[in-house]
Amino acid sequence: MKKKSLGLLPKLLIAIILGIAMGFAAQYMGSAGECIIRLGATYNSIFGNFINFCIPLIILGFVVPGIAELGSGAGKTLAVTVLVAYLSTIVAGSLAYAVDMGLFPHLVEAGMFTTSAENAEETVVSSFFNIEMPPIMGVMSALIMAFILGLGIALCRAGSLKGVFDDFGSIMTRVVERIIIPLLPIHVYGIFAKLAYAGTIVELMTSFLKVFVVVIALHIVILLLQYTAAGAVSHRNPFALLRTMLPAYTTAIGTQSSAATIPVTVDCAKRNGVQESIAQFVCPLCATIHLSGSTITLTSCSIAVMMMLGQGISFGQMFPFILMLGVTMVAAPGVPGGAVMAALGILESMLGFDADMQGLMIALYIAQDSFGTACNVTGDGAIAVFMDALSRRKAPTSEAG
């Protein structure tokens, strides 16, 4: 019998608990405790450099095949579906920004993370050693190259080159699945051990618990908005439509993958009266391009971290980040944390997140990944209803069917 392995989320929770416990214990262990914390800091330094090296490669491996695949499709339905999915993602991110900026100043202590970092630097001088791993190109260079190659492959029908990047994307997916994700809990352990050693981990965890509550509430709000729009266009009861999609929501909580939930999403969409051809086209497509729940989570968590760093945040700074999220997460692999892995590049280049902040974002994102994925796939059903209503308006004779 195949042995069932422990999931990523339980591993992360164990790593967080062990890190906090070790950080507290190290405070009373003198030089031995400092040595333990520095050992974790050494691992974090090496692993963080490895992630930074992989970021441009992940962007190329994820974005090029995704854009090429979208561009190879034909017809107005594809273009309209992509536009609707992208606008839904942007609305979700903008909503998150507006709510976060109103609530987070009352929930998150400004400058908390800066204090933690300063305390940690005072008590933990540095890692034992560091291994430099300079990326082969900058993040923006990788993004621009990915757009050019993806669009070029689609427009020129470069099948051979597309095959190369499909294979390269598979390699980078394996790197994420077999190297980064398995080693991530140790990285998270080191981060939380360092923060606990600094003495402000309790306040930090309390703040992020409040952030998670806001994120889940925002997921519910965006689903209500999506189904209200779909119900208005299709002249259907939005709450009835949303209730029919509950099996897809609960399945996504278990799978943590939009791709793995596609069969259930398609079935729920058809039970909502969506034509089979529309359901089988829109739901798989939106599984790779429509990530409103993930956008809410990434926007909210990044704003919370920036507030904890005491940084100023403006809509002019966050809106371009939200716009880029809708593109960089295209075709994020169906593995836990795929969206945040694809977003690491713009977290670094646009918001200035260093390796520790990126590691913390990964941990925070994966902690609620089930609910973000559930929001994503349930929203796909709203887009399917919306697109079905548009297609019936263009072809009135299909109403009889």
Protein backbone atom coordinates (compact mmCIF):
# COMPACT_ATOMS: atom_id res chain seq x y z
CA MET A 1 0.00 0.00 0.00
CA LYS A 2 1.15 3.49 -0.82
CA LYS A 3 2.06 5.42 2.29
CA LYS A 4 0.14 8.67 2.64
CA SER A 5 2.52 11.57 3.21
CA LEU A 6 1.88 14.50 5.50
CA GLY A 7 0.49 17.48 3.60
CA LEU A 8 2.33 20.76 3.12
CA LEU A 9 0.07 22.79 5.41
CA PRO A 10 0.55 20.45 8.42
CA LYS A 11 4.30 20.51 7.79
CA LEU A 12 4.27 24.32 7.77
CA LEU A 13 2.24 24.45 10.96
CA ILE A 14 4.68 22.06 12.65
CA ALA A 15 7.61 24.16 11.39
CA ILE A 16 6.03 27.34 12.77
CA ILE A 17 5.36 25.75 16.17
CA LEU A 18 8.87 24.27 16.38
CA GLY A 19 10.42 27.54 15.25
CA ILE A 20 8.56 29.56 17.87
CA ALA A 21 9.38 27.00 20.59
CA MET A 22 13.06 26.92 19.65
CA GLY A 23 13.23 30.71 19.47
CA PHE A 24 11.84 31.05 22.97
CA ALA A 25 14.07 28.24 24.31
CA ALA A 26 17.18 29.75 22.71
CA GLN A 27 16.70 32.92 24.75
CA TYR A 28 17.66 30.94 27.86
CA MET A 29 20.47 28.84 26.31
CA GLY A 30 23.13 31.51 26.04
CA SER A 31 25.73 31.03 23.29
CA ALA A 32 24.32 27.59 22.43
CA GLY A 33 20.94 29.19 21.72
CA GLU A 34 22.54 31.87 19.58
CA CYS A 35 24.39 29.18 17.64
CA ILE A 36 21.11 27.35 16.95
CA ILE A 37 19.42 30.51 15.67
CA ARG A 38 22.45 31.37 13.51
CA LEU A 39 22.33 27.87 12.04
CA GLY A 40 18.75 28.50 10.97
CA ALA A 41 19.75 31.91 9.62
CA THR A 42 22.50 30.25 7.55
CA TYR A 43 20.01 27.83 6.00
CA ASN A 44 17.61 30.71 5.31
CA SER A 45 20.35 32.70 3.62
CA ILE A 46 21.27 29.84 1.27
CA PHE A 47 17.67 28.86 0.57
CA GLY A 48 16.65 32.49 0.02
CA ASN A 49 19.46 32.93 -2.50
CA PHE A 50 18.32 29.76 -4.28
CA ILE A 51 14.75 31.08 -4.50
CA ASN A 52 16.00 34.38 -5.90
CA PHE A 53 18.02 32.46 -8.50
CA CYS A 54 14.93 30.46 -9.47
CA ILE A 55 12.50 33.40 -9.70
CA PRO A 56 13.37 34.46 -13.30
CA LEU A 57 13.34 30.80 -14.35
CA ILE A 58 9.94 30.27 -12.71
CA ILE A 59 8.57 33.34 -14.52
CA LEU A 60 9.79 32.03 -17.89
CA GLY A 61 8.62 28.49 -17.16
CA PHE A 62 5.14 29.54 -16.02
CA VAL A 63 4.30 32.64 -18.05
CA VAL A 64 5.64 31.76 -21.53
CA PRO A 65 3.62 28.52 -21.94
CA GLY A 66 0.55 30.19 -20.39
CA ILE A 67 0.54 33.15 -22.78
CA ALA A 68 1.41 30.92 -25.74
CA GLU A 69 -1.47 28.58 -24.91
CA LEU A 70 -3.95 31.45 -24.61
CA GLY A 71 -2.72 33.00 -27.83
CA SER A 72 -3.14 29.73 -29.74
CA GLY A 73 -6.88 29.73 -29.04
CA ALA A 74 -9.29 31.18 -31.56
CA GLY A 75 -12.57 33.01 -31.47
CA LYS A 76 -14.23 35.89 -29.72
CA THR A 77 -15.33 33.67 -26.82
CA LEU A 78 -11.70 33.17 -25.80
CA ALA A 79 -10.94 36.90 -25.89
CA VAL A 80 -14.07 37.85 -23.94
CA THR A 81 -13.50 35.12 -21.33
CA VAL A 82 -9.90 36.21 -20.77
CA LEU A 83 -10.99 39.86 -20.47
CA VAL A 84 -13.79 39.06 -18.00
CA ALA A 85 -11.48 36.84 -15.91
CA TYR A 86 -8.77 39.50 -15.84
CA LEU A 87 -11.21 42.27 -14.88
CA SER A 88 -12.62 40.05 -12.11
CA THR A 89 -9.10 39.52 -10.77
CA ILE A 90 -8.34 43.26 -10.87
CA VAL A 91 -11.61 44.12 -9.11
CA ALA A 92 -10.79 41.55 -6.41
CA GLY A 93 -7.35 43.04 -5.82
CA SER A 94 -8.66 46.62 -5.79
CA LEU A 95 -11.42 45.66 -3.35
CA ALA A 96 -8.83 44.04 -1.10
CA TYR A 97 -6.71 47.20 -1.20
CA ALA A 98 -9.65 49.45 -0.27
CA VAL A 99 -10.79 47.25 2.62
CA ASP A 100 -7.26 46.57 3.87
CA MET A 101 -6.33 50.23 3.98
CA GLY A 102 -9.45 50.93 6.02
CA LEU A 103 -9.11 48.04 8.48
CA PHE A 104 -5.45 47.09 8.78
CA PRO A 105 -4.27 50.29 10.51
CA HIS A 106 -6.55 49.21 13.39
CA LEU A 107 -5.48 45.55 13.27
CA VAL A 108 -1.76 45.67 12.48
CA GLU A 109 0.89 47.46 14.52
CA ALA A 110 2.89 49.71 12.23
CA GLY A 111 6.61 49.03 12.29
CA MET A 112 6.22 45.76 14.22
CA PHE A 113 8.27 43.74 11.78
CA THR A 114 10.99 46.38 11.68
CA THR A 115 11.27 46.13 15.47
CA SER A 116 11.46 42.34 15.24
CA ALA A 117 14.17 42.52 12.60
CA GLU A 118 16.18 45.06 14.58
CA ASN A 119 15.93 42.95 17.72
CA ALA A 120 16.98 39.89 15.76
CA GLU A 121 19.95 41.68 14.26
CA GLU A 122 21.04 42.79 17.73
CA THR A 123 20.89 39.26 19.12
CA VAL A 124 21.84 37.28 16.01
CA VAL A 125 24.76 38.90 14.27
CA SER A 126 24.62 36.99 10.98
CA SER A 127 24.61 33.59 9.37
CA PHE A 128 27.76 31.48 9.65
CA PHE A 129 28.41 31.81 5.92
CA ASN A 130 26.61 32.72 2.72
CA ILE A 131 26.62 31.24 -0.80
CA GLU A 132 25.92 33.78 -3.52
CA MET A 133 23.61 32.62 -6.32
CA PRO A 134 23.10 35.59 -8.65
CA PRO A 135 20.06 35.20 -10.96
CA ILE A 136 20.75 34.87 -14.67
CA MET A 137 18.57 37.98 -15.29
CA GLY A 138 16.50 40.54 -13.42
CA VAL A 139 12.83 40.01 -12.66
CA MET A 140 11.58 42.67 -15.07
CA SER A 141 13.85 41.31 -17.79
CA ALA A 142 12.34 37.87 -17.24
CA LEU A 143 8.79 39.27 -17.38
CA ILE A 144 9.43 41.22 -20.58
CA MET A 145 11.12 38.21 -22.19
CA ALA A 146 8.23 35.97 -21.11
CA PHE A 147 5.66 38.30 -22.73
CA ILE A 148 7.67 38.61 -25.94
CA LEU A 149 8.29 34.88 -26.23
CA GLY A 150 4.73 33.91 -25.28
CA LEU A 151 3.11 36.29 -27.73
CA GLY A 152 5.70 35.49 -30.40
CA ILE A 153 5.12 31.75 -30.12
CA ALA A 154 1.35 32.30 -30.40
CA LEU A 155 1.47 34.73 -33.34
CA CYS A 156 4.13 32.83 -35.30
CA ARG A 157 2.67 29.41 -34.42
CA ALA A 158 6.16 28.34 -33.34
CA GLY A 159 5.21 24.82 -32.31
CA SER A 160 8.76 23.61 -31.78
CA LEU A 161 9.68 26.52 -29.51
CA LYS A 162 6.39 26.10 -27.63
CA GLY A 163 7.32 22.47 -27.01
CA VAL A 164 10.67 23.59 -25.60
CA PHE A 165 9.03 25.99 -23.14
CA ASP A 166 6.35 23.45 -22.25
CA ASP A 167 9.15 21.09 -21.26
CA PHE A 168 11.00 23.90 -19.47
CA GLY A 169 7.79 24.73 -17.61
CA SER A 170 7.52 21.09 -16.56
CA ILE A 171 11.10 21.23 -15.26
CA MET A 172 10.39 24.35 -13.20
CA THR A 173 7.19 22.79 -11.88
CA ARG A 174 9.27 19.82 -10.70
CA VAL A 175 11.78 22.21 -9.10
CA VAL A 176 8.92 23.81 -7.16
CA GLU A 177 7.32 20.47 -6.27
CA ARG A 178 10.43 18.44 -5.49
CA ILE A 179 12.90 21.01 -4.13
CA ILE A 180 11.40 24.34 -3.05
CA ILE A 181 8.15 23.07 -1.49
CA PRO A 182 9.77 20.16 0.46
CA LEU A 183 12.54 22.45 1.80
CA LEU A 184 10.17 25.32 2.54
CA PRO A 185 9.13 24.16 6.06
CA ILE A 186 12.76 24.35 7.22
CA HIS A 187 12.95 27.89 5.84
CA VAL A 188 9.75 28.81 7.67
CA TYR A 189 11.14 27.24 10.86
CA GLY A 190 14.21 29.47 10.61
CA ILE A 191 12.13 32.62 10.05
CA PHE A 192 9.83 32.04 13.02
CA ALA A 193 12.69 30.90 15.27
CA LYS A 194 14.47 34.17 14.53
CA LEU A 195 11.31 36.21 15.16
CA ALA A 196 10.58 34.37 18.43
CA TYR A 197 14.19 34.90 19.51
CA ALA A 198 13.67 38.62 18.83
CA GLY A 199 10.75 38.64 21.28
CA THR A 200 7.74 39.96 19.30
CA ILE A 201 6.34 36.79 17.69
CA VAL A 202 3.13 36.80 19.77
CA GLU A 203 2.07 40.23 18.52
CA LEU A 204 3.04 39.22 14.97
CA MET A 205 0.96 36.03 14.98
CA THR A 206 -2.03 37.82 16.52
CA SER A 207 -1.93 40.42 13.76
CA PHE A 208 -1.78 37.82 11.00
CA LEU A 209 -4.70 35.92 12.52
CA LYS A 210 -6.75 39.10 12.19
CA VAL A 211 -5.52 39.50 8.60
CA PHE A 212 -6.70 35.97 7.76
CA VAL A 213 -10.19 36.75 9.07
CA VAL A 214 -10.34 39.78 6.78
CA VAL A 215 -9.07 37.72 3.82
CA ILE A 216 -11.76 35.03 4.23
CA ALA A 217 -14.44 37.73 4.55
CA LEU A 218 -13.16 39.34 1.34
CA HIS A 219 -13.37 35.97 -0.43
CA ILE A 220 -17.05 35.79 0.48
CA VAL A 221 -17.68 39.39 -0.63
CA ILE A 222 -16.04 38.93 -4.05
CA LEU A 223 -18.04 35.73 -4.66
CA LEU A 224 -21.26 37.60 -3.86
CA LEU A 225 -20.26 40.37 -6.27
CA GLN A 226 -19.34 37.88 -9.01
CA TYR A 227 -22.60 35.96 -8.71
CA THR A 228 -24.63 39.14 -8.45
CA ALA A 229 -23.17 40.23 -11.80
CA ALA A 230 -23.70 36.76 -13.31
CA GLY A 231 -27.27 36.64 -11.97
CA ALA A 232 -28.06 40.08 -13.37
CA VAL A 233 -26.88 39.12 -16.86
CA SER A 234 -28.54 35.69 -16.84
CA HIS A 235 -31.68 36.81 -14.96
CA ARG A 236 -31.12 34.09 -12.38
CA ASN A 237 -31.08 34.09 -8.58
CA PRO A 238 -27.40 34.68 -7.63
CA PHE A 239 -27.77 32.86 -4.31
CA ALA A 240 -29.21 29.79 -6.03
CA LEU A 241 -26.33 29.85 -8.52
CA LEU A 242 -23.81 30.15 -5.71
CA ARG A 243 -25.42 27.34 -3.71
CA THR A 244 -25.14 24.99 -6.71
CA MET A 245 -21.38 25.65 -6.82
CA LEU A 246 -20.80 24.56 -3.20
CA PRO A 247 -19.52 21.08 -4.23
CA ALA A 248 -16.77 22.76 -6.26
CA TYR A 249 -15.94 25.01 -3.29
CA THR A 250 -15.62 22.13 -0.84
CA THR A 251 -13.67 19.99 -3.33
CA ALA A 252 -11.17 22.79 -3.88
CA ILE A 253 -10.63 23.08 -0.12
CA GLY A 254 -9.51 19.45 -0.16
CA THR A 255 -7.45 19.46 -3.37
CA GLN A 256 -5.85 22.94 -3.03
CA SER A 257 -5.71 22.88 -6.84
CA SER A 258 -7.92 24.63 -9.38
CA ALA A 259 -6.82 22.15 -12.04
CA ALA A 260 -7.72 19.11 -9.95
CA THR A 261 -11.18 20.55 -9.27
CA ILE A 262 -12.03 21.17 -12.95
CA PRO A 263 -14.35 18.12 -13.37
CA VAL A 264 -16.43 19.16 -10.36
CA THR A 265 -16.47 22.81 -11.45
CA VAL A 266 -17.69 21.84 -14.93
CA ASP A 267 -20.41 19.60 -13.48
CA CYS A 268 -21.64 22.34 -11.12
CA ALA A 269 -21.66 24.88 -13.94
CA LYS A 270 -23.79 22.56 -16.10
CA ARG A 271 -26.20 22.08 -13.20
CA ASN A 272 -26.50 25.87 -13.15
CA GLY A 273 -27.87 25.65 -16.69
CA VAL A 274 -24.64 26.49 -18.52
CA GLN A 275 -24.39 24.90 -21.96
CA GLU A 276 -22.01 21.95 -21.99
CA SER A 277 -19.78 23.48 -24.66
CA ILE A 278 -19.44 26.72 -22.65
CA ALA A 279 -18.84 24.92 -19.35
CA GLN A 280 -16.18 22.64 -20.83
CA PHE A 281 -14.38 25.61 -22.40
CA VAL A 282 -14.69 28.34 -19.74
CA CYS A 283 -14.04 26.35 -16.53
CA PRO A 284 -10.70 24.76 -17.59
CA LEU A 285 -9.56 28.07 -19.07
CA CYS A 286 -10.46 30.05 -15.95
CA ALA A 287 -8.70 27.47 -13.78
CA THR A 288 -5.44 28.87 -15.18
CA ILE A 289 -6.25 32.57 -15.61
CA HIS A 290 -8.88 33.51 -13.01
CA LEU A 291 -7.42 33.76 -9.50
CA SER A 292 -9.49 36.36 -7.68
CA GLY A 293 -9.13 34.59 -4.32
CA SER A 294 -5.37 34.31 -4.70
CA THR A 295 -5.14 37.99 -5.68
CA ILE A 296 -7.08 39.02 -2.57
CA THR A 297 -4.78 36.97 -0.36
CA LEU A 298 -1.53 38.15 -1.93
CA THR A 299 -2.66 41.78 -1.91
CA SER A 300 -3.83 41.64 1.71
CA CYS A 301 -0.80 39.76 3.06
CA SER A 302 1.66 42.00 1.23
CA ILE A 303 -0.07 45.13 2.56
CA ALA A 304 0.01 43.71 6.09
CA VAL A 305 3.73 42.90 5.84
CA MET A 306 4.50 46.36 4.44
CA MET A 307 2.59 47.97 7.31
CA MET A 308 4.54 45.86 9.78
CA LEU A 309 7.69 47.16 8.12
CA GLY A 310 6.45 50.71 8.61
CA GLN A 311 6.43 51.39 4.86
CA GLY A 312 4.09 53.87 3.20
CA ILE A 313 1.47 52.30 0.92
CA SER A 314 -0.43 54.07 -1.87
CA PHE A 315 -2.90 52.98 -4.52
CA GLY A 316 -0.44 54.17 -7.16
CA GLN A 317 2.08 51.67 -5.77
CA MET A 318 -0.30 48.73 -5.27
CA PHE A 319 -2.45 48.99 -8.41
CA PRO A 320 0.42 48.18 -10.83
CA PHE A 321 1.25 45.25 -8.54
CA ILE A 322 -2.36 44.02 -8.78
CA LEU A 323 -2.30 44.43 -12.57
CA MET A 324 0.87 42.35 -12.78
CA LEU A 325 -0.55 39.68 -10.45
CA GLY A 326 -3.30 39.03 -12.97
CA VAL A 327 -0.66 38.26 -15.60
CA THR A 328 2.16 36.53 -13.71
CA MET A 329 -0.18 33.98 -12.12
CA VAL A 330 -1.38 32.79 -15.55
CA ALA A 331 -1.03 29.02 -15.70
CA ALA A 332 0.38 28.78 -12.18
CA PRO A 333 0.88 25.04 -11.68
CA GLY A 334 -1.72 22.97 -9.89
CA VAL A 335 0.41 22.52 -6.78
CA PRO A 336 -0.11 24.12 -3.36
CA GLY A 337 1.41 27.59 -3.41
CA GLY A 338 1.72 27.79 -7.21
CA ALA A 339 0.25 31.30 -7.36
CA VAL A 340 2.55 32.75 -4.71
CA MET A 341 5.57 31.10 -6.32
CA ALA A 342 4.67 32.78 -9.61
CA ALA A 343 4.22 36.10 -7.78
CA LEU A 344 7.59 36.10 -5.99
CA GLY A 345 9.22 38.06 -8.79
CA ILE A 346 6.92 41.07 -8.59
CA LEU A 347 6.89 40.94 -4.79
CA GLU A 348 10.64 41.48 -5.02
CA SER A 349 10.81 43.92 -7.91
CA MET A 350 7.70 46.04 -7.26
CA LEU A 351 7.28 45.89 -3.47
CA GLY A 352 10.91 45.32 -2.40
CA PHE A 353 10.39 42.03 -0.54
CA ASP A 354 13.63 40.36 0.52
CA ALA A 355 14.16 36.61 0.99
CA ASP A 356 12.76 36.56 4.55
CA MET A 357 9.66 38.50 3.51
CA GLN A 358 9.16 36.20 0.54
CA GLY A 359 9.46 33.14 2.78
CA LEU A 360 6.94 34.61 5.20
CA MET A 361 4.56 35.41 2.32
CA ILE A 362 4.80 31.83 1.06
CA ALA A 363 3.97 30.48 4.51
CA LEU A 364 1.08 32.89 4.99
CA TYR A 365 -0.33 32.20 1.55
CA ILE A 366 -0.18 28.43 1.83
CA ALA A 367 -1.81 28.59 5.29
CA GLN A 368 -5.02 29.76 3.59
CA ASP A 369 -4.39 28.26 0.14
CA SER A 370 -7.40 25.95 0.42
CA PHE A 371 -9.82 28.86 0.86
CA GLY A 372 -8.15 30.96 -1.84
CA THR A 373 -8.37 28.08 -4.31
CA ALA A 374 -12.01 27.48 -3.35
CA CYS A 375 -12.76 31.15 -4.05
CA ASN A 376 -10.96 30.90 -7.40
CA VAL A 377 -12.88 27.87 -8.70
CA THR A 378 -16.25 29.05 -7.38
CA GLY A 379 -15.70 32.33 -9.19
CA ASP A 380 -15.00 30.33 -12.36
CA GLY A 381 -18.60 29.14 -12.17
CA ALA A 382 -19.85 32.75 -12.15
CA ILE A 383 -17.84 33.51 -15.28
CA ALA A 384 -19.26 30.38 -16.94
CA VAL A 385 -22.82 31.60 -16.21
CA PHE A 386 -21.91 35.06 -17.48
CA MET A 387 -20.42 33.75 -20.72
CA ASP A 388 -23.36 31.37 -21.23
CA ALA A 389 -25.80 34.28 -20.94
CA LEU A 390 -23.80 36.28 -23.49
CA SER A 391 -23.72 33.38 -25.96
CA ARG A 392 -27.48 32.86 -25.68
CA ARG A 393 -28.11 36.53 -26.40
CA LYS A 394 -26.10 36.21 -29.62
CA ALA A 395 -27.94 33.04 -30.61
CA PRO A 396 -31.59 33.33 -29.47
CA THR A 397 -32.54 30.07 -31.17
CA SER A 398 -30.45 28.16 -28.65
CA GLU A 399 -32.91 29.12 -25.90
CA ALA A 400 -35.09 26.19 -26.87
CA GLY A 401 -32.21 23.84 -26.17
